[in-house]
Each structure stands twice: as structure tokens, then as C-alpha cells.
Amino acid sequence: MKSATAPNGAVRSLTCRYTWRYTLFMPYRDPKKHRDYYRAYMRRRRAGQRAPQVKPAAAELVAEVARFKDEIARLKAELASERGHCKMLEERLKRAGAAKPPLPPDEARERKIKALTTQVQNLRAVIQAIVLRASIPRATLNAIAKALHPDRKLSEAEREAERETAFKLFTAWKAEKDRVARIAKGA
């Protein structure tokens, strides 16, 4: 049997599988005490790894504990469900109870008048847009007709001046028509 001296001065046998590893941490220098300590240590370690042995009378208790745990889990789930249901009902109750009281007759009448006035203004803007879209002012129409008529004998400068005037009138009419259409749409 081989033996060696550990850094802490203990003499240990090297044939044991765990001996060298645990020599640094063992509290005993005597090999017998060390062996007993190590065996007790391994017994405690194996005991912790083993499943606990249940006696027949204790088996009924274990089954009852498992049944109670299942019952507790079921009741917790039911409680969570009921709490959610209560919250939903409270939310509905808050929404239903939040109805505002009716306005005084004078204020209700004023609001109705204001709404009708706004509606009349919007309808007038729509009618104006329709009228302007359908009709072009006579002066603009005449200026365009003169500028584009091929039989008129004009010099190149005069013809260019008439075209420029017609274009300006047409552009102004188009811009006004588009502005009214935007107002009618509510943009």
C-alpha cells in the first residue's frame, strides 16, 4: 500500500479513490479517524440522494397531502377566475354609472342652434363650390376666346399680351375654384 504526505502534513493512502482529493479538507491527521469521518460523510451524501422510504401509514398521509395540494391548486385557479370576473363587472358598472346628467334647457338649445348654424355654413360652402365649378366668369371666358381665336389680325406682341392676360384670369379662377372645393370638403 502506497502512502503520501498531503500539504497539510497528513499521511494518507493513495489507493482510496477520493483520499488525495479530500486530504486537504479533512480535520483529522490520524488515518483511522479520517477513514471514519470520510465514511460518515459518504453515508450522509448517499442518504441525501436516495428517495425517502415511506412507511405504509405514512403512504396514506402522502396521498392525502397530494390530494390537498391538488385541491389548493384548483381553488386558487377558481379564485383567480372569479377575481377576473369581478373586475370585469366593476368596469361595466363604472362605465354604466358614468352617464352625464342632462343639460339645462337653455344650454341644450344654444348647442342645438350652434350645430345647425355650422351645418348651414357647410352647406352654403358646398353650394358655392358647385356653382363656381360649373360656371366661369364671363370676363375670363371672353379673354380666353379672344386670345385663342385664329381669325383676329394682331401683331405678335399684342397676341402675346392677350394670351398672358387670359392665362392670368384663368389661373386666378382655377385657384379660387380649388380653394372653395377644399373648404367644402372640410380640409
Protein backbone atom coordinates (compact mmCIF):
# COMPACT_ATOMS: atom_id res chain seq x y z
CA MET A 1 0.00 0.00 0.00
CA LYS A 2 1.41 3.37 -1.02
CA SER A 3 1.14 6.43 1.15
CA ALA A 4 1.88 10.10 0.61
CA THR A 5 2.08 13.23 2.65
CA ALA A 6 -0.53 15.87 1.90
CA PRO A 7 0.32 19.59 2.02
CA ASN A 8 -1.30 19.81 5.45
CA GLY A 9 1.07 17.15 6.79
CA ALA A 10 -1.39 14.25 6.90
CA VAL A 11 -0.20 10.84 5.73
CA ARG A 12 -2.79 9.21 3.51
CA SER A 13 -3.16 6.07 1.48
CA LEU A 14 -3.28 6.66 -2.28
CA THR A 15 -5.28 3.50 -3.00
CA CYS A 16 -8.55 5.09 -1.92
CA ARG A 17 -10.30 6.82 -4.81
CA TYR A 18 -11.19 10.05 -3.03
CA THR A 19 -8.41 10.15 -0.45
CA TRP A 20 -5.98 12.57 -2.05
CA ARG A 21 -8.75 14.95 -3.02
CA TYR A 22 -10.15 15.17 0.48
CA THR A 23 -6.87 15.17 2.40
CA LEU A 24 -6.63 18.93 2.19
CA PHE A 25 -10.02 19.38 3.83
CA MET A 26 -10.18 16.59 6.41
CA PRO A 27 -9.91 17.68 10.01
CA TYR A 28 -8.05 14.58 11.23
CA ARG A 29 -4.40 13.54 10.85
CA ASP A 30 -4.97 10.05 12.20
CA PRO A 31 -5.84 7.67 9.31
CA LYS A 32 -8.46 5.77 11.37
CA LYS A 33 -10.29 8.93 12.35
CA HIS A 34 -10.01 10.16 8.82
CA ARG A 35 -11.47 6.92 7.43
CA ASP A 36 -14.40 7.06 9.86
CA TYR A 37 -15.01 10.71 9.08
CA TYR A 38 -14.96 10.03 5.33
CA ARG A 39 -17.32 7.03 5.61
CA ALA A 40 -19.78 9.07 7.66
CA TYR A 41 -19.53 11.84 5.11
CA MET A 42 -20.30 9.43 2.23
CA ARG A 43 -23.24 7.90 4.16
CA ARG A 44 -24.76 11.35 4.63
CA ARG A 45 -24.21 12.15 0.99
CA ARG A 46 -25.82 8.93 -0.26
CA ALA A 47 -28.72 9.35 2.15
CA GLY A 48 -29.47 12.75 0.64
CA GLN A 49 -29.51 11.28 -2.86
CA ARG A 50 -31.82 8.39 -2.04
CA ALA A 51 -35.59 8.76 -2.25
CA PRO A 52 -37.10 8.78 1.22
CA GLN A 53 -38.60 5.48 2.34
CA VAL A 54 -42.29 5.85 3.11
CA LYS A 55 -43.93 3.71 5.74
CA PRO A 56 -47.38 2.22 4.96
CA ALA A 57 -49.17 4.52 7.40
CA ALA A 58 -47.26 7.49 6.02
CA ALA A 59 -48.22 6.48 2.45
CA GLU A 60 -51.84 7.36 3.23
CA LEU A 61 -50.70 10.71 4.59
CA VAL A 62 -48.61 11.38 1.49
CA ALA A 63 -51.61 10.58 -0.74
CA GLU A 64 -53.80 12.87 1.36
CA VAL A 65 -51.22 15.69 1.16
CA ALA A 66 -51.10 15.28 -2.63
CA ARG A 67 -54.91 15.40 -2.77
CA PHE A 68 -54.92 18.57 -0.65
CA LYS A 69 -52.29 20.19 -2.90
CA ASP A 70 -54.46 19.44 -5.95
CA GLU A 71 -57.47 20.92 -4.15
CA ILE A 72 -55.49 24.06 -3.26
CA ALA A 73 -54.34 24.48 -6.87
CA ARG A 74 -57.92 24.06 -8.13
CA LEU A 75 -59.26 26.59 -5.61
CA LYS A 76 -56.52 29.11 -6.49
CA ALA A 77 -57.43 28.83 -10.18
CA GLU A 78 -61.11 29.28 -9.35
CA LEU A 79 -60.32 32.30 -7.17
CA ALA A 80 -58.28 33.92 -9.97
CA SER A 81 -61.14 33.33 -12.40
CA GLU A 82 -63.68 34.87 -10.01
CA ARG A 83 -61.46 37.88 -9.37
CA GLY A 84 -61.19 38.50 -13.10
CA HIS A 85 -64.96 38.19 -13.44
CA CYS A 86 -65.47 40.68 -10.57
CA LYS A 87 -63.07 43.18 -12.16
CA MET A 88 -64.92 42.91 -15.47
CA LEU A 89 -68.26 43.53 -13.75
CA GLU A 90 -66.84 46.51 -11.84
CA GLU A 91 -65.55 48.01 -15.12
CA ARG A 92 -69.01 47.62 -16.67
CA LEU A 93 -70.61 49.19 -13.64
CA LYS A 94 -68.22 52.17 -13.76
CA ARG A 95 -68.93 52.71 -17.47
CA ALA A 96 -72.69 52.46 -16.98
CA GLY A 97 -72.65 54.74 -13.93
CA ALA A 98 -70.60 57.41 -15.68
CA ALA A 99 -73.57 58.77 -17.67
CA LYS A 100 -73.69 62.56 -17.56
CA PRO A 101 -76.78 64.35 -16.29
CA PRO A 102 -78.88 66.10 -18.94
CA LEU A 103 -78.02 69.71 -19.80
CA PRO A 104 -80.22 72.61 -18.70
CA PRO A 105 -82.79 73.56 -21.37
CA ASP A 106 -81.10 76.90 -22.22
CA GLU A 107 -77.70 75.30 -22.77
CA ALA A 108 -79.19 72.45 -24.82
CA ARG A 109 -80.98 74.98 -27.04
CA GLU A 110 -77.76 77.01 -27.54
CA ARG A 111 -75.82 73.92 -28.53
CA LYS A 112 -78.52 72.91 -31.00
CA ILE A 113 -78.51 76.39 -32.57
CA LYS A 114 -74.72 76.36 -32.87
CA ALA A 115 -74.75 72.92 -34.53
CA LEU A 116 -77.43 74.00 -37.02
CA THR A 117 -75.55 77.24 -37.82
CA THR A 118 -72.39 75.27 -38.57
CA GLN A 119 -74.35 72.87 -40.75
CA VAL A 120 -75.86 75.79 -42.74
CA GLN A 121 -72.38 77.30 -43.27
CA ASN A 122 -71.05 74.00 -44.56
CA LEU A 123 -73.99 73.60 -46.96
CA ARG A 124 -73.51 77.16 -48.27
CA ALA A 125 -69.82 76.41 -48.95
CA VAL A 126 -70.78 73.27 -50.85
CA ILE A 127 -73.35 75.13 -52.94
CA GLN A 128 -70.85 77.89 -53.71
CA ALA A 129 -68.27 75.31 -54.76
CA ILE A 130 -70.77 73.65 -57.09
CA VAL A 131 -71.77 76.97 -58.65
CA LEU A 132 -68.18 78.10 -59.13
CA ARG A 133 -67.14 74.77 -60.50
CA ALA A 134 -69.89 74.84 -63.07
CA SER A 135 -69.53 78.46 -64.19
CA ILE A 136 -66.57 80.51 -65.24
CA PRO A 137 -66.83 84.31 -65.09
CA ARG A 138 -67.84 85.92 -68.40
CA ALA A 139 -64.80 88.26 -68.47
CA THR A 140 -62.42 85.29 -68.14
CA LEU A 141 -64.29 83.36 -70.83
CA ASN A 142 -64.18 86.33 -73.25
CA ALA A 143 -60.45 86.94 -72.63
CA ILE A 144 -59.67 83.28 -73.38
CA ALA A 145 -61.82 83.30 -76.54
CA LYS A 146 -60.13 86.47 -77.87
CA ALA A 147 -56.63 85.17 -77.15
CA LEU A 148 -57.23 81.83 -78.87
CA HIS A 149 -59.33 82.95 -81.85
CA PRO A 150 -57.37 82.33 -85.08
CA ASP A 151 -59.08 84.98 -87.32
CA ARG A 152 -58.02 88.07 -85.36
CA LYS A 153 -55.33 90.16 -87.06
CA LEU A 154 -52.94 91.21 -84.30
CA SER A 155 -49.24 91.74 -84.09
CA GLU A 156 -47.19 89.14 -82.28
CA ALA A 157 -46.68 91.40 -79.21
CA GLU A 158 -50.42 92.17 -78.89
CA ARG A 159 -51.33 88.50 -79.29
CA GLU A 160 -48.78 87.56 -76.61
CA ALA A 161 -50.16 90.23 -74.21
CA GLU A 162 -53.76 88.96 -74.68
CA ARG A 163 -52.65 85.38 -74.06
CA GLU A 164 -50.83 86.45 -70.92
CA THR A 165 -53.94 88.24 -69.64
CA ALA A 166 -56.16 85.23 -70.44
CA PHE A 167 -53.78 82.86 -68.66
CA LYS A 168 -53.71 85.06 -65.54
CA LEU A 169 -57.52 85.28 -65.40
CA PHE A 170 -57.87 81.52 -65.92
CA THR A 171 -55.26 80.75 -63.23
CA ALA A 172 -56.99 83.07 -60.73
CA TRP A 173 -60.38 81.44 -61.44
CA LYS A 174 -58.88 77.93 -61.07
CA ALA A 175 -57.21 78.82 -57.76
CA GLU A 176 -60.45 80.24 -56.36
CA LYS A 177 -62.39 77.19 -57.53
CA ASP A 178 -59.91 74.84 -55.84
CA ARG A 179 -59.93 76.88 -52.61
CA VAL A 180 -63.72 76.72 -52.39
CA ALA A 181 -63.68 73.00 -53.14
CA ARG A 182 -61.18 72.43 -50.28
CA ILE A 183 -63.36 74.41 -47.91
CA ALA A 184 -66.40 72.39 -48.99
CA LYS A 185 -64.58 69.14 -48.27
CA GLY A 186 -63.58 70.40 -44.84
CA ALA A 187 -59.80 70.26 -45.41
